[in-house]
């Protein structure tokens, strides 16, 4: 194998690798945003439930 052939193959593999990684970034970012949204929604529901319980128990401190 000649040096130019080896360099060409290395360049080809590098370009293909970056292409695959670039396509995967959007999917990972979307998944991360969905996870953040679910965690935020769950935290808000827990806080709402806590405030409802304290309200029904006539607690002085109604913040959770």
PDB file of N, CA and C in Angstrom:
ATOM      1  N   UNK A   1       0.856  -1.172   0.000  1.00  0.00           N
ATOM      2  CA  UNK A   1       0.000   0.000   0.000  1.00  0.00           C
ATOM      3  C   UNK A   1       0.901   1.233   0.000  1.00  0.00           C
ATOM      4  N   UNK A   2       0.596   2.151  -0.859  1.00  0.00           N
ATOM      5  CA  UNK A   2       1.407   3.363  -0.957  1.00  0.00           C
ATOM      6  C   UNK A   2       0.975   4.367   0.096  1.00  0.00           C
ATOM      7  N   UNK A   3       1.818   5.319   0.333  1.00  0.00           N
ATOM      8  CA  UNK A   3       1.538   6.352   1.320  1.00  0.00           C
ATOM      9  C   UNK A   3       0.313   7.177   0.928  1.00  0.00           C
ATOM     10  N   UNK A   4       0.185   7.511  -0.331  1.00  0.00           N
ATOM     11  CA  UNK A   4      -0.964   8.310  -0.770  1.00  0.00           C
ATOM     12  C   UNK A   4      -2.268   7.516  -0.609  1.00  0.00           C
ATOM     13  N   UNK A   5      -2.228   6.228  -0.873  1.00  0.00           N
ATOM     14  CA  UNK A   5      -3.402   5.376  -0.697  1.00  0.00           C
ATOM     15  C   UNK A   5      -3.787   5.302   0.783  1.00  0.00           C
ATOM     16  N   UNK A   6      -2.800   5.175   1.645  1.00  0.00           N
ATOM     17  CA  UNK A   6      -3.043   5.125   3.085  1.00  0.00           C
ATOM     18  C   UNK A   6      -3.632   6.443   3.579  1.00  0.00           C
ATOM     19  N   UNK A   7      -3.084   7.549   3.133  1.00  0.00           N
ATOM     20  CA  UNK A   7      -3.601   8.864   3.538  1.00  0.00           C
ATOM     21  C   UNK A   7      -5.022   9.077   3.038  1.00  0.00           C
ATOM     22  N   UNK A   8      -5.298   8.638   1.815  1.00  0.00           N
ATOM     23  CA  UNK A   8      -6.647   8.751   1.278  1.00  0.00           C
ATOM     24  C   UNK A   8      -7.637   7.959   2.124  1.00  0.00           C
ATOM     25  N   UNK A   9      -7.275   6.742   2.488  1.00  0.00           N
ATOM     26  CA  UNK A   9      -8.161   5.916   3.311  1.00  0.00           C
ATOM     27  C   UNK A   9      -8.365   6.537   4.693  1.00  0.00           C
ATOM     28  N   UNK A  10      -7.309   7.074   5.269  1.00  0.00           N
ATOM     29  CA  UNK A  10      -7.410   7.724   6.573  1.00  0.00           C
ATOM     30  C   UNK A  10      -8.334   8.938   6.494  1.00  0.00           C
ATOM     31  N   UNK A  11      -8.188   9.720   5.431  1.00  0.00           N
ATOM     32  CA  UNK A  11      -9.060  10.880   5.237  1.00  0.00           C
ATOM     33  C   UNK A  11     -10.513  10.450   5.066  1.00  0.00           C
ATOM     34  N   UNK A  12     -10.733   9.406   4.310  1.00  0.00           N
ATOM     35  CA  UNK A  12     -12.084   8.903   4.078  1.00  0.00           C
ATOM     36  C   UNK A  12     -12.733   8.431   5.388  1.00  0.00           C
ATOM     37  N   UNK A  13     -12.000   7.696   6.179  1.00  0.00           N
ATOM     38  CA  UNK A  13     -12.526   7.221   7.464  1.00  0.00           C
ATOM     39  C   UNK A  13     -12.810   8.393   8.392  1.00  0.00           C
ATOM     40  N   UNK A  14     -11.943   9.387   8.402  1.00  0.00           N
ATOM     41  CA  UNK A  14     -12.141  10.562   9.255  1.00  0.00           C
ATOM     42  C   UNK A  14     -13.407  11.321   8.859  1.00  0.00           C
ATOM     43  N   UNK A  15     -13.603  11.536   7.566  1.00  0.00           N
ATOM     44  CA  UNK A  15     -14.793  12.254   7.086  1.00  0.00           C
ATOM     45  C   UNK A  15     -16.055  11.461   7.426  1.00  0.00           C
ATOM     46  N   UNK A  16     -16.023  10.159   7.237  1.00  0.00           N
ATOM     47  CA  UNK A  16     -17.191   9.336   7.543  1.00  0.00           C
ATOM     48  C   UNK A  16     -17.500   9.364   9.036  1.00  0.00           C
ATOM     49  N   UNK A  17     -16.471   9.337   9.858  1.00  0.00           N
ATOM     50  CA  UNK A  17     -16.663   9.376  11.307  1.00  0.00           C
ATOM     51  C   UNK A  17     -17.309  10.689  11.728  1.00  0.00           C
ATOM     52  N   UNK A  18     -16.817  11.799  11.217  1.00  0.00           N
ATOM     53  CA  UNK A  18     -17.400  13.093  11.559  1.00  0.00           C
ATOM     54  C   UNK A  18     -18.832  13.212  11.052  1.00  0.00           C
ATOM     55  N   UNK A  19     -19.119  12.614   9.922  1.00  0.00           N
ATOM     56  CA  UNK A  19     -20.490  12.644   9.388  1.00  0.00           C
ATOM     57  C   UNK A  19     -21.446  11.913  10.311  1.00  0.00           C
ATOM     58  N   UNK A  20     -21.038  10.757  10.801  1.00  0.00           N
ATOM     59  CA  UNK A  20     -21.889   9.972  11.708  1.00  0.00           C
ATOM     60  C   UNK A  20     -22.072  10.701  13.025  1.00  0.00           C
ATOM     61  N   UNK A  21     -21.004  11.272  13.551  1.00  0.00           N
ATOM     62  CA  UNK A  21     -21.086  11.988  14.824  1.00  0.00           C
ATOM     63  C   UNK A  21     -21.964  13.224  14.683  1.00  0.00           C
ATOM     64  N   UNK A  22     -21.855  13.926  13.588  1.00  0.00           N
ATOM     65  CA  UNK A  22     -22.654  15.135  13.378  1.00  0.00           C
ATOM     66  C   UNK A  22     -24.137  14.801  13.302  1.00  0.00           C
ATOM     67  N   UNK A  23     -24.488  13.691  12.691  1.00  0.00           N
ATOM     68  CA  UNK A  23     -25.893  13.293  12.611  1.00  0.00           C
ATOM     69  C   UNK A  23     -26.424  12.888  13.978  1.00  0.00           C
ATOM     70  N   UNK A  24     -25.600  12.299  14.799  1.00  0.00           N
ATOM     71  CA  UNK A  24     -26.025  11.829  16.107  1.00  0.00           C
ATOM     72  C   UNK A  24     -26.204  12.939  17.122  1.00  0.00           C
ATOM     73  N   UNK A  25     -25.592  14.103  16.916  1.00  0.00           N
ATOM     74  CA  UNK A  25     -25.675  15.188  17.886  1.00  0.00           C
ATOM     75  C   UNK A  25     -27.096  15.709  18.044  1.00  0.00           C
ATOM     76  N   UNK A  26     -27.824  15.853  16.959  1.00  0.00           N
ATOM     77  CA  UNK A  26     -29.182  16.379  17.048  1.00  0.00           C
ATOM     78  C   UNK A  26     -30.088  15.434  17.819  1.00  0.00           C
ATOM     79  N   UNK A  27     -29.930  14.145  17.599  1.00  0.00           N
ATOM     80  CA  UNK A  27     -30.748  13.174  18.319  1.00  0.00           C
ATOM     81  C   UNK A  27     -30.447  13.211  19.808  1.00  0.00           C
ATOM     82  N   UNK A  28     -29.183  13.291  20.156  1.00  0.00           N
ATOM     83  CA  UNK A  28     -28.796  13.340  21.566  1.00  0.00           C
ATOM     84  C   UNK A  28     -29.287  14.630  22.213  1.00  0.00           C
ATOM     85  N   UNK A  29     -29.204  15.718  21.490  1.00  0.00           N
ATOM     86  CA  UNK A  29     -29.669  16.995  22.029  1.00  0.00           C
ATOM     87  C   UNK A  29     -31.176  16.978  22.253  1.00  0.00           C
ATOM     88  N   UNK A  30     -31.918  16.434  21.293  1.00  0.00           N
ATOM     89  CA  UNK A  30     -33.373  16.331  21.446  1.00  0.00           C
ATOM     90  C   UNK A  30     -33.742  15.449  22.626  1.00  0.00           C
ATOM     91  N   UNK A  31     -33.044  14.336  22.783  1.00  0.00           N
ATOM     92  CA  UNK A  31     -33.318  13.440  23.905  1.00  0.00           C
ATOM     93  C   UNK A  31     -33.012  14.135  25.228  1.00  0.00           C
ATOM     94  N   UNK A  32     -31.915  14.874  25.276  1.00  0.00           N
ATOM     95  CA  UNK A  32     -31.568  15.612  26.490  1.00  0.00           C
ATOM     96  C   UNK A  32     -32.606  16.658  26.851  1.00  0.00           C
ATOM     97  N   UNK A  33     -33.117  17.346  25.847  1.00  0.00           N
ATOM     98  CA  UNK A  33     -34.150  18.356  26.104  1.00  0.00           C
ATOM     99  C   UNK A  33     -35.432  17.710  26.615  1.00  0.00           C
ATOM    100  N   UNK A  34     -35.788  16.557  26.070  1.00  0.00           N
ATOM    101  CA  UNK A  34     -36.988  15.859  26.536  1.00  0.00           C
ATOM    102  C   UNK A  34     -36.818  15.388  27.969  1.00  0.00           C
ATOM    103  N   UNK A  35     -35.626  14.894  28.295  1.00  0.00           N
ATOM    104  CA  UNK A  35     -35.355  14.452  29.669  1.00  0.00           C
ATOM    105  C   UNK A  35     -35.448  15.635  30.619  1.00  0.00           C
ATOM    106  N   UNK A  36     -34.859  16.770  30.244  1.00  0.00           N
ATOM    107  CA  UNK A  36     -34.941  17.968  31.083  1.00  0.00           C
ATOM    108  C   UNK A  36     -36.390  18.388  31.306  1.00  0.00           C
ATOM    109  N   UNK A  37     -37.199  18.317  30.260  1.00  0.00           N
ATOM    110  CA  UNK A  37     -38.603  18.702  30.370  1.00  0.00           C
ATOM    111  C   UNK A  37     -39.359  17.772  31.313  1.00  0.00           C
ATOM    112  N   UNK A  38     -39.109  16.474  31.194  1.00  0.00           N
ATOM    113  CA  UNK A  38     -39.784  15.504  32.053  1.00  0.00           C
ATOM    114  C   UNK A  38     -39.381  15.701  33.505  1.00  0.00           C
ATOM    115  N   UNK A  39     -38.094  15.922  33.752  1.00  0.00           N
ATOM    116  CA  UNK A  39     -37.622  16.127  35.131  1.00  0.00           C
ATOM    117  C   UNK A  39     -38.216  17.407  35.711  1.00  0.00           C
ATOM    118  N   UNK A  40     -38.264  18.458  34.928  1.00  0.00           N
ATOM    119  CA  UNK A  40     -38.849  19.724  35.400  1.00  0.00           C
ATOM    120  C   UNK A  40     -40.333  19.553  35.710  1.00  0.00           C
ATOM    121  N   UNK A  41     -41.065  18.889  34.816  1.00  0.00           N
ATOM    122  CA  UNK A  41     -42.488  18.648  35.048  1.00  0.00           C
ATOM    123  C   UNK A  41     -42.715  17.813  36.305  1.00  0.00           C
ATOM    124  N   UNK A  42     -41.892  16.792  36.508  1.00  0.00           N
ATOM    125  CA  UNK A  42     -42.033  15.945  37.700  1.00  0.00           C
ATOM    126  C   UNK A  42     -41.762  16.751  38.967  1.00  0.00           C
ATOM    127  N   UNK A  43     -40.736  17.595  38.924  1.00  0.00           N
ATOM    128  CA  UNK A  43     -40.436  18.445  40.082  1.00  0.00           C
ATOM    129  C   UNK A  43     -41.578  19.400  40.388  1.00  0.00           C
ATOM    130  N   UNK A  44     -42.180  19.961  39.358  1.00  0.00           N
ATOM    131  CA  UNK A  44     -43.306  20.877  39.561  1.00  0.00           C
ATOM    132  C   UNK A  44     -44.507  20.147  40.158  1.00  0.00           C
ATOM    133  N   UNK A  45     -44.755  18.917  39.711  1.00  0.00           N
ATOM    134  CA  UNK A  45     -45.883  18.152  40.252  1.00  0.00           C
ATOM    135  C   UNK A  45     -45.654  17.802  41.717  1.00  0.00           C
ATOM    136  N   UNK A  46     -44.430  17.441  42.069  1.00  0.00           N
ATOM    137  CA  UNK A  46     -44.114  17.125  43.461  1.00  0.00           C
ATOM    138  C   UNK A  46     -44.303  18.360  44.329  1.00  0.00           C
ATOM    139  N   UNK A  47     -43.851  19.504  43.844  1.00  0.00           N
ATOM    140  CA  UNK A  47     -44.014  20.738  44.607  1.00  0.00           C
ATOM    141  C   UNK A  47     -45.489  21.100  44.769  1.00  0.00           C
ATOM    142  N   UNK A  48     -46.278  20.928  43.712  1.00  0.00           N
ATOM    143  CA  UNK A  48     -47.718  21.201  43.797  1.00  0.00           C
ATOM    144  C   UNK A  48     -48.392  20.278  44.806  1.00  0.00           C
ATOM    145  N   UNK A  49     -48.029  19.002  44.779  1.00  0.00           N
ATOM    146  CA  UNK A  49     -48.611  18.054  45.737  1.00  0.00           C
ATOM    147  C   UNK A  49     -48.228  18.412  47.166  1.00  0.00           C
ATOM    148  N   UNK A  50     -46.984  18.797  47.364  1.00  0.00           N
ATOM    149  CA  UNK A  50     -46.528  19.187  48.700  1.00  0.00           C
ATOM    150  C   UNK A  50     -47.313  20.395  49.203  1.00  0.00           C
ATOM    151  N   UNK A  51     -47.496  21.382  48.336  1.00  0.00           N
ATOM    152  CA  UNK A  51     -48.251  22.568  48.728  1.00  0.00           C
ATOM    153  C   UNK A  51     -49.707  22.228  49.020  1.00  0.00           C
ATOM    154  N   UNK A  52     -50.300  21.311  48.267  1.00  0.00           N
ATOM    155  CA  UNK A  52     -51.678  20.888  48.528  1.00  0.00           C
ATOM    156  C   UNK A  52     -51.799  20.199  49.888  1.00  0.00           C
ATOM    157  N   UNK A  53     -50.832  19.347  50.196  1.00  0.00           N
ATOM    158  CA  UNK A  53     -50.854  18.645  51.490  1.00  0.00           C
ATOM    159  C   UNK A  53     -50.721  19.638  52.629  1.00  0.00           C
ATOM    160  N   UNK A  54     -49.788  20.587  52.509  1.00  0.00           N
ATOM    161  CA  UNK A  54     -49.611  21.587  53.564  1.00  0.00           C
ATOM    162  C   UNK A  54     -50.852  22.478  53.686  1.00  0.00           C
ATOM    163  N   UNK A  55     -51.512  22.763  52.569  1.00  0.00           N
ATOM    164  CA  UNK A  55     -52.713  23.585  52.597  1.00  0.00           C
ATOM    165  C   UNK A  55     -53.844  22.859  53.325  1.00  0.00           C
ATOM    166  N   UNK A  56     -54.004  21.573  53.039  1.00  0.00           N
ATOM    167  CA  UNK A  56     -55.058  20.797  53.688  1.00  0.00           C
ATOM    168  C   UNK A  56     -54.762  20.541  55.152  1.00  0.00           C
ATOM    169  N   UNK A  57     -53.483  20.555  55.516  1.00  0.00           N
ATOM    170  CA  UNK A  57     -53.112  20.336  56.928  1.00  0.00           C
ATOM    171  C   UNK A  57     -53.052  21.645  57.695  1.00  0.00           C
ATOM    172  N   UNK A  58     -53.383  22.753  57.068  1.00  0.00           N
ATOM    173  CA  UNK A  58     -53.315  24.075  57.671  1.00  0.00           C
ATOM    174  C   UNK A  58     -51.946  24.372  58.277  1.00  0.00           C
ATOM    175  N   UNK A  59     -50.919  24.030  57.538  1.00  0.00           N
ATOM    176  CA  UNK A  59     -49.549  24.309  58.000  1.00  0.00           C
ATOM    177  C   UNK A  59     -49.267  25.791  57.897  1.00  0.00           C
ATOM    178  N   UNK A  60     -48.440  26.300  58.827  1.00  0.00           N
ATOM    179  CA  UNK A  60     -48.103  27.719  58.803  1.00  0.00           C
ATOM    180  C   UNK A  60     -47.245  28.037  57.585  1.00  0.00           C
ATOM    181  N   UNK A  61     -46.245  27.200  57.323  1.00  0.00           N
ATOM    182  CA  UNK A  61     -45.366  27.396  56.179  1.00  0.00           C
ATOM    183  C   UNK A  61     -45.886  26.570  55.004  1.00  0.00           C
ATOM    184  N   UNK A  62     -46.401  27.238  54.010  1.00  0.00           N
ATOM    185  CA  UNK A  62     -47.013  26.521  52.887  1.00  0.00           C
ATOM    186  C   UNK A  62     -46.035  26.316  51.732  1.00  0.00           C
ATOM    187  N   UNK A  63     -44.816  26.859  51.851  1.00  0.00           N
ATOM    188  CA  UNK A  63     -43.823  26.668  50.806  1.00  0.00           C
ATOM    189  C   UNK A  63     -43.155  25.310  50.943  1.00  0.00           C
ATOM    190  N   UNK A  64     -42.818  24.736  49.808  1.00  0.00           N
ATOM    191  CA  UNK A  64     -42.141  23.438  49.804  1.00  0.00           C
ATOM    192  C   UNK A  64     -40.753  23.559  49.248  1.00  0.00           C
TER     193      UNK A  64
END
